Amino acid sequence: MIKILQVRNIDSFVESRRQKTSEKDRKTVQAILNDVRKNGDSAVKKYERKFNGRKTSQLRVSAKEIKEARSKISRGKWDGLRVMSSILQWEESNFLQGFSNPKNWKDKSAKISFVPIPSVGCYIPGGQARYPSSVVMSLIPAKLAGVKRIVVVSPPGRDGKIDPLTITAAKKCGATEIYKVGGAQAIGALAYGTKSIPKVDKIVGPGGKFVSIAKSLVSDQTAIDMVAGPTELGIIADASSDPKLVALDLISQAEHSKDTMCFVITQSKTVAKQIQKSIEKLIPGTERSSIIKESISKNGFIIVCKNQNEMIELANKIAPEHMELMVKNAKSLSKKITGAGLVLVGKNTPSAASDYLLGTNHILPTNGFGRTRGGLSVLDFLKLKTVVESTMITLSYNSSLLKALTDAEDLPNHYKAVRGRFD
């Protein structure tokens, strides 16, 4: 089951725990992308049959299918989706307002503004679970930013159809197109374009191993948000932590897939053993137990550190997607945790709740990228636009400085281009 470890060299340990892309997997994904780029729809449909066992004649979800999906949604599910959308929209709107009213630029030569990206593709996972919540997390910020073309791709189920709530959520949140396709072939279609699926300017959203590899491989010509998946959860625990709650939170993230990484950092061997026992006790009677067991045994661990400084260093270097602080001094400790994609403070802030209704976006950086960026937000769908206007007076005033700089870089024609305006 979950292993209890002690770390001698933090850097070596963190490196060993990074999700590594095997050369075989990379070649597999690259072959799919090359095929999609060359053969378009026929390649996309071929891989849907090969990997998902589905023969698809039409990739795009039709208006009839959207209407049919809506008819299958219960009032409770619809209300939950509506509330989640409202909470995230309120949070993102407040965030956006901080950038939408720039100061008076009358006396400034450069004017800075934000403009929406023209088109985005939002990958919504499927397969072992359904994720209409990821629709909300991707599309609400895009819609608020003013993106005109919002494309959703998601793998259909065995019946060849996307989950009705996923379709309904996509339509409600502003999708202009929805396609029944998943995996690396979906990323290839969004990046390169096919007859059915026109290319987009940016690809966002979480996914499994092959989706993450594909996003990385196409990023040399199509923008992506981040590497977001498979999911990760770290928990810092102490003697005040409830072992059962810690175990439940680990299990809640481990149920996503066998590739998830869930771990605990503590200073107490006793706490480590209590958590280990709780996990072993809970898993057998839990739904999706086979996925959870494989995930926990393959990727899970409990680290026993010497002191708090070592715990903080380890947490910041692993930089997991989610980091829960289930300790006495959670608020003060949160100021020192800088690497995680999302920091959750206290025993009543489980990552499972943040996936839905806490107002935070659950599309978060994984594989250590939390050290350099946070979760998906409205800013991911905006481009910084800078417009500048100069005058002869400005050029003349800076002429000698400009000549000194162009001489220093041995670029004389730069200065001549400016000097020519005086002549």
Protein backbone atom coordinates (compact mmCIF):
# COMPACT_ATOMS: atom_id res chain seq x y z
CA MET A 1 0.00 0.00 0.00
CA ILE A 2 1.24 3.56 0.56
CA LYS A 3 4.94 3.72 1.48
CA ILE A 4 6.44 5.60 4.43
CA LEU A 5 9.80 7.14 3.51
CA GLN A 6 12.55 9.34 4.86
CA VAL A 7 14.49 11.60 2.51
CA ARG A 8 18.24 12.07 2.62
CA ASN A 9 18.59 14.24 -0.49
CA ILE A 10 15.54 16.40 -1.27
CA ASP A 11 16.62 17.38 -4.80
CA SER A 12 17.27 13.78 -5.83
CA PHE A 13 13.98 12.64 -4.33
CA VAL A 14 11.96 15.36 -6.08
CA GLU A 15 13.62 14.54 -9.39
CA SER A 16 12.77 10.86 -8.98
CA ARG A 17 9.11 11.72 -8.39
CA ARG A 18 8.68 13.94 -11.47
CA GLN A 19 6.39 12.50 -14.13
CA LYS A 20 8.79 11.46 -16.87
CA THR A 21 7.80 11.02 -20.48
CA SER A 22 9.21 7.79 -21.88
CA GLU A 23 10.67 7.86 -25.37
CA LYS A 24 8.12 5.20 -26.38
CA ASP A 25 5.16 7.33 -25.25
CA ARG A 26 6.58 10.43 -26.93
CA LYS A 27 7.05 8.56 -30.21
CA THR A 28 3.51 7.17 -30.01
CA VAL A 29 2.03 10.62 -29.49
CA GLN A 30 4.23 12.20 -32.17
CA ALA A 31 3.10 9.55 -34.68
CA ILE A 32 -0.56 10.35 -33.89
CA LEU A 33 0.04 14.10 -34.27
CA ASN A 34 1.87 13.63 -37.58
CA ASP A 35 -0.97 11.46 -38.89
CA VAL A 36 -3.64 13.98 -37.82
CA ARG A 37 -1.66 16.81 -39.39
CA LYS A 38 -1.37 14.94 -42.69
CA ASN A 39 -4.73 13.14 -42.90
CA GLY A 40 -7.08 15.27 -40.77
CA ASP A 41 -10.50 13.83 -40.00
CA SER A 42 -9.73 10.31 -41.27
CA ALA A 43 -6.79 10.04 -38.83
CA VAL A 44 -8.85 11.45 -35.94
CA LYS A 45 -11.62 8.91 -36.58
CA LYS A 46 -9.09 6.08 -36.95
CA TYR A 47 -7.60 6.76 -33.49
CA GLU A 48 -11.04 7.13 -31.92
CA ARG A 49 -11.74 3.58 -33.17
CA LYS A 50 -8.30 2.28 -32.15
CA PHE A 51 -8.05 3.73 -28.64
CA ASN A 52 -11.68 4.24 -27.65
CA GLY A 53 -13.43 1.53 -29.66
CA ARG A 54 -15.86 4.02 -31.20
CA LYS A 55 -16.77 4.43 -34.87
CA THR A 56 -17.66 8.07 -35.39
CA SER A 57 -19.19 9.37 -38.61
CA GLN A 58 -19.70 12.96 -37.43
CA LEU A 59 -17.22 14.54 -35.01
CA ARG A 60 -19.18 17.68 -34.18
CA VAL A 61 -22.02 17.48 -31.65
CA SER A 62 -25.22 18.53 -33.46
CA ALA A 63 -27.96 20.89 -32.26
CA LYS A 64 -30.26 17.87 -31.95
CA GLU A 65 -27.75 16.10 -29.65
CA ILE A 66 -27.39 19.24 -27.52
CA LYS A 67 -31.18 19.47 -27.08
CA GLU A 68 -31.39 15.74 -26.29
CA ALA A 69 -28.60 16.07 -23.70
CA ARG A 70 -30.38 18.95 -21.93
CA SER A 71 -33.57 16.86 -21.63
CA LYS A 72 -31.63 14.23 -19.67
CA ILE A 73 -30.34 16.61 -16.97
CA SER A 74 -32.03 16.51 -13.55
CA ARG A 75 -32.95 19.73 -11.72
CA GLY A 76 -30.38 19.00 -9.01
CA LYS A 77 -27.49 18.58 -11.46
CA TRP A 78 -28.52 21.70 -13.37
CA ASP A 79 -28.72 23.77 -10.16
CA GLY A 80 -25.29 22.52 -9.07
CA LEU A 81 -23.80 23.47 -12.42
CA ARG A 82 -25.50 26.89 -12.32
CA VAL A 83 -24.21 27.69 -8.82
CA MET A 84 -20.68 26.57 -9.69
CA SER A 85 -20.75 28.77 -12.80
CA SER A 86 -22.04 31.77 -10.82
CA ILE A 87 -19.38 31.46 -8.11
CA LEU A 88 -16.52 31.21 -10.62
CA GLN A 89 -17.94 34.01 -12.78
CA TRP A 90 -18.16 36.32 -9.75
CA GLU A 91 -14.55 35.57 -8.73
CA GLU A 92 -13.17 35.94 -12.26
CA SER A 93 -15.18 39.15 -12.91
CA ASN A 94 -13.67 40.77 -9.82
CA PHE A 95 -10.24 39.68 -11.00
CA LEU A 96 -10.84 41.10 -14.48
CA GLN A 97 -12.09 44.46 -13.17
CA GLY A 98 -8.67 45.07 -11.66
CA PHE A 99 -7.24 45.20 -15.20
CA SER A 100 -10.14 46.67 -17.17
CA ASN A 101 -9.86 50.28 -15.95
CA PRO A 102 -6.32 51.44 -16.71
CA LYS A 103 -5.14 54.80 -15.40
CA ASN A 104 -5.28 57.91 -17.53
CA TRP A 105 -2.78 57.37 -20.34
CA LYS A 106 -3.09 60.86 -21.83
CA ASP A 107 0.46 61.82 -21.05
CA LYS A 108 1.94 58.41 -21.75
CA SER A 109 3.50 57.40 -25.07
CA ALA A 110 2.66 53.68 -24.56
CA LYS A 111 -0.92 52.56 -24.02
CA ILE A 112 -1.48 49.11 -22.54
CA SER A 113 -4.70 47.15 -22.80
CA PHE A 114 -5.94 43.56 -22.84
CA VAL A 115 -7.55 42.00 -25.90
CA PRO A 116 -9.14 38.53 -26.06
CA ILE A 117 -7.46 35.66 -27.89
CA PRO A 118 -9.54 35.03 -31.07
CA SER A 119 -10.09 31.29 -30.60
CA VAL A 120 -9.43 28.65 -27.93
CA GLY A 121 -9.83 24.89 -27.72
CA CYS A 122 -10.89 23.50 -24.34
CA TYR A 123 -10.05 19.85 -23.67
CA ILE A 124 -12.56 18.21 -21.33
CA PRO A 125 -11.46 14.76 -20.08
CA GLY A 126 -13.67 11.69 -20.25
CA GLY A 127 -12.85 8.01 -20.18
CA GLN A 128 -12.83 6.80 -16.59
CA ALA A 129 -14.98 9.68 -15.29
CA ARG A 130 -17.04 12.64 -16.47
CA TYR A 131 -15.98 16.24 -15.94
CA PRO A 132 -18.68 18.83 -16.63
CA SER A 133 -16.98 20.83 -13.85
CA SER A 134 -13.92 21.20 -16.10
CA VAL A 135 -16.22 22.74 -18.71
CA VAL A 136 -17.13 25.49 -16.25
CA MET A 137 -13.51 26.01 -15.21
CA SER A 138 -12.34 26.37 -18.84
CA LEU A 139 -15.21 28.22 -20.48
CA ILE A 140 -16.31 30.81 -17.90
CA PRO A 141 -12.91 32.64 -17.91
CA ALA A 142 -12.78 32.41 -21.74
CA LYS A 143 -16.27 33.89 -22.09
CA LEU A 144 -15.54 36.67 -19.60
CA ALA A 145 -12.35 37.53 -21.49
CA GLY A 146 -14.40 37.97 -24.65
CA VAL A 147 -13.10 35.03 -26.71
CA LYS A 148 -15.28 34.82 -29.81
CA ARG A 149 -14.71 31.16 -30.78
CA ILE A 150 -14.72 28.66 -27.90
CA VAL A 151 -14.27 25.04 -29.00
CA VAL A 152 -14.87 22.04 -26.73
CA VAL A 153 -13.43 18.59 -27.41
CA SER A 154 -14.24 15.62 -25.20
CA PRO A 155 -14.05 11.82 -25.66
CA PRO A 156 -17.48 10.17 -25.99
CA GLY A 157 -18.59 7.10 -24.04
CA ARG A 158 -19.20 3.62 -25.35
CA ASP A 159 -22.46 4.77 -26.91
CA GLY A 160 -20.53 7.25 -29.06
CA LYS A 161 -22.00 10.24 -27.21
CA ILE A 162 -20.53 12.78 -24.78
CA ASP A 163 -21.99 12.85 -21.26
CA PRO A 164 -25.23 14.94 -21.43
CA LEU A 165 -24.22 17.20 -18.53
CA THR A 166 -20.88 17.94 -20.22
CA ILE A 167 -22.69 18.97 -23.42
CA THR A 168 -25.26 21.02 -21.51
CA ALA A 169 -22.56 22.74 -19.45
CA ALA A 170 -20.58 23.55 -22.59
CA LYS A 171 -23.59 25.15 -24.27
CA LYS A 172 -24.54 27.10 -21.14
CA CYS A 173 -21.01 28.42 -20.63
CA GLY A 174 -20.54 29.70 -24.17
CA ALA A 175 -19.15 26.92 -26.38
CA THR A 176 -19.51 27.75 -30.07
CA GLU A 177 -18.57 24.22 -31.19
CA ILE A 178 -18.46 20.81 -29.46
CA TYR A 179 -16.64 17.77 -30.88
CA LYS A 180 -16.78 14.08 -29.94
CA VAL A 181 -13.06 13.33 -29.84
CA GLY A 182 -10.42 12.84 -27.15
CA GLY A 183 -6.78 11.93 -26.58
CA ALA A 184 -3.74 13.07 -28.51
CA GLN A 185 -5.80 13.06 -31.73
CA ALA A 186 -8.06 15.78 -30.31
CA ILE A 187 -5.04 17.93 -29.44
CA GLY A 188 -3.64 17.38 -32.93
CA ALA A 189 -6.94 18.42 -34.53
CA LEU A 190 -7.08 21.61 -32.45
CA ALA A 191 -3.46 22.45 -33.18
CA TYR A 192 -3.32 21.72 -36.91
CA GLY A 193 -6.97 21.83 -38.00
CA THR A 194 -8.94 19.24 -39.98
CA LYS A 195 -11.88 19.44 -42.38
CA SER A 196 -14.30 19.11 -39.43
CA ILE A 197 -12.31 20.89 -36.72
CA PRO A 198 -10.70 24.23 -37.67
CA LYS A 199 -7.49 25.01 -35.76
CA VAL A 200 -7.46 27.24 -32.70
CA ASP A 201 -5.01 29.82 -31.37
CA LYS A 202 -4.63 28.28 -27.91
CA ILE A 203 -5.37 24.94 -26.24
CA VAL A 204 -6.35 24.76 -22.56
CA GLY A 205 -7.60 22.16 -20.12
CA PRO A 206 -6.52 19.12 -18.11
CA GLY A 207 -5.91 15.62 -19.43
CA GLY A 208 -4.11 12.35 -18.95
CA LYS A 209 -0.57 11.41 -19.88
CA PHE A 210 -1.00 11.36 -23.66
CA VAL A 211 -2.97 14.61 -23.72
CA SER A 212 -0.25 16.34 -21.68
CA ILE A 213 2.50 14.99 -23.98
CA ALA A 214 0.54 16.09 -27.05
CA LYS A 215 0.02 19.61 -25.68
CA SER A 216 3.74 19.87 -25.01
CA LEU A 217 4.62 18.65 -28.54
CA VAL A 218 2.30 21.06 -30.36
CA SER A 219 3.28 24.07 -28.25
CA ASP A 220 5.96 25.10 -30.75
CA GLN A 221 3.20 26.44 -33.01
CA THR A 222 -0.04 26.52 -30.99
CA ALA A 223 -0.16 28.18 -27.57
CA ILE A 224 -1.09 26.09 -24.54
CA ASP A 225 -2.01 27.02 -21.00
CA MET A 226 0.17 24.58 -19.03
CA VAL A 227 0.84 20.91 -18.36
CA ALA A 228 -2.29 20.08 -16.36
CA GLY A 229 -2.49 16.43 -15.47
CA PRO A 230 -2.43 13.78 -14.18
CA THR A 231 -3.65 15.25 -10.91
CA GLU A 232 -1.52 15.65 -7.74
CA LEU A 233 -2.34 16.18 -4.06
CA GLY A 234 0.07 16.80 -1.23
CA ILE A 235 -0.98 17.11 2.44
CA ILE A 236 1.11 18.47 5.30
CA ALA A 237 -0.08 16.78 8.52
CA ASP A 238 0.81 16.86 12.22
CA ALA A 239 -0.47 15.39 15.48
CA SER A 240 -3.59 17.58 15.28
CA SER A 241 -4.61 16.07 11.93
CA ASP A 242 -7.42 13.54 11.70
CA PRO A 243 -5.87 10.48 9.96
CA LYS A 244 -9.24 9.49 8.49
CA LEU A 245 -9.78 12.92 6.89
CA VAL A 246 -6.26 12.83 5.45
CA ALA A 247 -6.93 9.36 4.02
CA LEU A 248 -10.29 10.43 2.57
CA ASP A 249 -8.71 13.42 0.83
CA LEU A 250 -5.93 11.27 -0.66
CA ILE A 251 -8.51 8.76 -1.88
CA SER A 252 -10.66 11.54 -3.39
CA GLN A 253 -7.84 12.57 -5.73
CA ALA A 254 -6.48 9.06 -6.31
CA GLU A 255 -9.81 8.03 -7.84
CA HIS A 256 -9.12 10.20 -10.92
CA SER A 257 -6.72 7.69 -12.48
CA LYS A 258 -3.92 5.24 -11.77
CA ASP A 259 -1.38 7.96 -12.70
CA THR A 260 -2.29 10.45 -9.94
CA MET A 261 0.30 11.33 -7.29
CA CYS A 262 -1.00 11.67 -3.72
CA PHE A 263 1.32 12.07 -0.76
CA VAL A 264 1.71 13.29 2.84
CA ILE A 265 4.51 15.26 4.49
CA THR A 266 4.83 15.08 8.27
CA GLN A 267 7.40 15.20 11.09
CA SER A 268 5.81 12.32 13.00
CA LYS A 269 6.30 8.60 12.35
CA THR A 270 3.26 7.95 14.53
CA VAL A 271 1.09 10.22 12.36
CA ALA A 272 2.50 8.55 9.23
CA LYS A 273 1.53 5.09 10.49
CA GLN A 274 -1.95 6.26 11.53
CA ILE A 275 -2.60 7.65 8.06
CA GLN A 276 -1.23 4.51 6.45
CA LYS A 277 -3.60 2.35 8.50
CA SER A 278 -6.58 4.59 7.70
CA ILE A 279 -5.91 4.31 3.98
CA GLU A 280 -5.60 0.51 4.16
CA LYS A 281 -8.87 0.33 6.12
CA LEU A 282 -10.87 2.63 3.83
CA ILE A 283 -9.88 1.52 0.33
CA PRO A 284 -11.46 -1.99 0.24
CA GLY A 285 -14.98 -0.64 0.80
CA THR A 286 -14.62 2.35 -1.53
CA GLU A 287 -16.08 2.83 -5.02
CA ARG A 288 -13.46 2.89 -7.81
CA SER A 289 -11.21 0.99 -5.38
CA SER A 290 -9.15 -0.72 -8.09
CA ILE A 291 -8.08 2.65 -9.56
CA ILE A 292 -7.42 4.09 -6.09
CA LYS A 293 -5.39 1.10 -4.94
CA GLU A 294 -3.18 1.13 -8.02
CA SER A 295 -2.68 4.89 -7.84
CA ILE A 296 -1.81 4.90 -4.12
CA SER A 297 0.51 1.87 -4.27
CA LYS A 298 2.24 3.02 -7.46
CA ASN A 299 2.64 6.75 -6.83
CA GLY A 300 1.63 7.42 -3.21
CA PHE A 301 4.02 8.02 -0.32
CA ILE A 302 4.28 9.48 3.18
CA ILE A 303 7.47 11.40 3.94
CA VAL A 304 8.74 11.79 7.50
CA CYS A 305 10.87 14.96 7.77
CA LYS A 306 13.28 16.07 10.49
CA ASN A 307 11.79 19.54 11.01
CA GLN A 308 9.39 22.13 9.59
CA ASN A 309 12.01 23.76 7.37
CA GLU A 310 12.62 20.44 5.63
CA MET A 311 8.88 19.98 5.15
CA ILE A 312 8.54 23.43 3.57
CA GLU A 313 11.53 22.89 1.29
CA LEU A 314 10.21 19.52 0.16
CA ALA A 315 6.68 20.88 -0.45
CA ASN A 316 7.96 23.81 -2.50
CA LYS A 317 10.30 21.67 -4.59
CA ILE A 318 7.72 18.98 -5.34
CA ALA A 319 5.28 21.85 -6.10
CA PRO A 320 2.15 19.69 -6.39
CA GLU A 321 -1.08 20.72 -8.06
CA HIS A 322 -2.91 20.88 -4.69
CA MET A 323 -1.31 21.29 -1.26
CA GLU A 324 -3.52 20.90 1.82
CA LEU A 325 -2.26 22.24 5.16
CA MET A 326 -4.03 20.14 7.79
CA VAL A 327 -1.95 21.41 10.70
CA LYS A 328 -2.34 23.68 13.74
CA ASN A 329 -0.51 26.66 12.25
CA ALA A 330 -2.03 26.35 8.78
CA LYS A 331 -2.46 30.10 8.08
CA SER A 332 1.08 31.07 9.01
CA LEU A 333 2.48 28.02 7.19
CA SER A 334 0.56 28.96 4.02
CA LYS A 335 2.74 32.08 3.64
CA LYS A 336 5.79 29.84 3.21
CA ILE A 337 4.24 27.46 0.67
CA THR A 338 5.01 29.11 -2.68
CA GLY A 339 5.37 26.21 -5.10
CA ALA A 340 1.91 24.59 -5.14
CA GLY A 341 -0.67 25.32 -7.83
CA LEU A 342 -3.29 25.80 -5.09
CA VAL A 343 -2.80 26.02 -1.31
CA LEU A 344 -5.75 24.83 0.82
CA VAL A 345 -5.68 26.07 4.41
CA GLY A 346 -7.07 24.08 7.35
CA LYS A 347 -8.93 20.81 7.85
CA ASN A 348 -12.17 22.14 6.35
CA THR A 349 -10.69 23.09 2.97
CA PRO A 350 -10.45 19.76 1.11
CA SER A 351 -9.26 19.72 -2.49
CA ALA A 352 -12.49 17.89 -3.37
CA ALA A 353 -14.45 21.06 -2.51
CA SER A 354 -12.07 23.30 -4.46
CA ASP A 355 -12.77 21.14 -7.52
CA TYR A 356 -16.31 22.53 -7.53
CA LEU A 357 -17.56 25.33 -5.29
CA LEU A 358 -14.84 27.37 -3.55
CA GLY A 359 -14.46 29.87 -6.40
CA THR A 360 -10.98 28.69 -7.35
CA ASN A 361 -10.20 27.15 -10.72
CA HIS A 362 -9.42 23.44 -10.61
CA ILE A 363 -7.34 23.50 -13.80
CA LEU A 364 -3.93 23.76 -12.16
CA PRO A 365 -0.26 23.20 -13.06
CA THR A 366 1.24 19.77 -12.39
CA ASN A 367 4.68 18.17 -12.59
CA GLY A 368 6.39 21.02 -10.74
CA PHE A 369 5.09 23.85 -12.95
CA GLY A 370 3.34 25.36 -9.92
CA ARG A 371 6.73 26.93 -9.15
CA THR A 372 6.27 29.28 -12.11
CA ARG A 373 2.51 29.76 -12.60
CA GLY A 374 -0.87 29.41 -10.90
CA GLY A 375 -4.22 28.02 -11.99
CA LEU A 376 -6.15 28.82 -15.16
CA SER A 377 -7.79 32.27 -15.07
CA VAL A 378 -9.23 34.96 -17.29
CA LEU A 379 -5.67 36.14 -17.95
CA ASP A 380 -4.96 32.94 -19.92
CA PHE A 381 -7.50 34.09 -22.51
CA LEU A 382 -6.24 37.66 -22.85
CA LYS A 383 -3.31 39.08 -24.77
CA LEU A 384 -1.46 42.14 -23.56
CA LYS A 385 -1.71 44.77 -26.31
CA THR A 386 0.75 47.65 -26.30
CA VAL A 387 0.39 50.67 -28.62
CA VAL A 388 3.09 53.33 -28.73
CA GLU A 389 3.40 56.70 -30.50
CA SER A 390 6.53 58.86 -30.56
CA THR A 391 7.29 62.40 -31.76
CA MET A 392 10.23 64.18 -33.37
CA ILE A 393 10.86 65.89 -30.03
CA THR A 394 11.15 62.53 -28.25
CA LEU A 395 13.45 61.09 -30.92
CA SER A 396 15.66 64.20 -30.91
CA TYR A 397 15.88 64.28 -27.12
CA ASN A 398 16.98 60.61 -26.98
CA SER A 399 19.17 60.69 -30.09
CA SER A 400 22.57 60.65 -28.40
CA LEU A 401 21.52 57.87 -26.00
CA LEU A 402 20.18 55.79 -28.85
CA LYS A 403 23.42 56.20 -30.83
CA ALA A 404 25.45 55.06 -27.84
CA LEU A 405 23.28 51.95 -27.46
CA THR A 406 23.28 51.03 -31.15
CA ASP A 407 27.05 51.52 -31.32
CA ALA A 408 27.47 49.27 -28.28
CA GLU A 409 25.53 46.50 -30.04
CA ASP A 410 27.19 47.17 -33.42
CA LEU A 411 23.84 47.86 -35.09
CA PRO A 412 24.53 51.17 -36.92
CA ASN A 413 21.48 50.96 -39.16
CA HIS A 414 19.21 51.16 -36.14
CA TYR A 415 20.55 54.64 -35.46
CA LYS A 416 20.47 55.63 -39.13
CA ALA A 417 16.76 54.71 -39.27
CA VAL A 418 16.11 57.22 -36.48
CA ARG A 419 18.60 59.84 -37.70
CA GLY A 420 17.02 59.79 -41.16
CA ARG A 421 13.91 61.45 -39.72
CA PHE A 422 15.95 64.50 -38.76
CA ASP A 423 17.51 64.76 -42.21
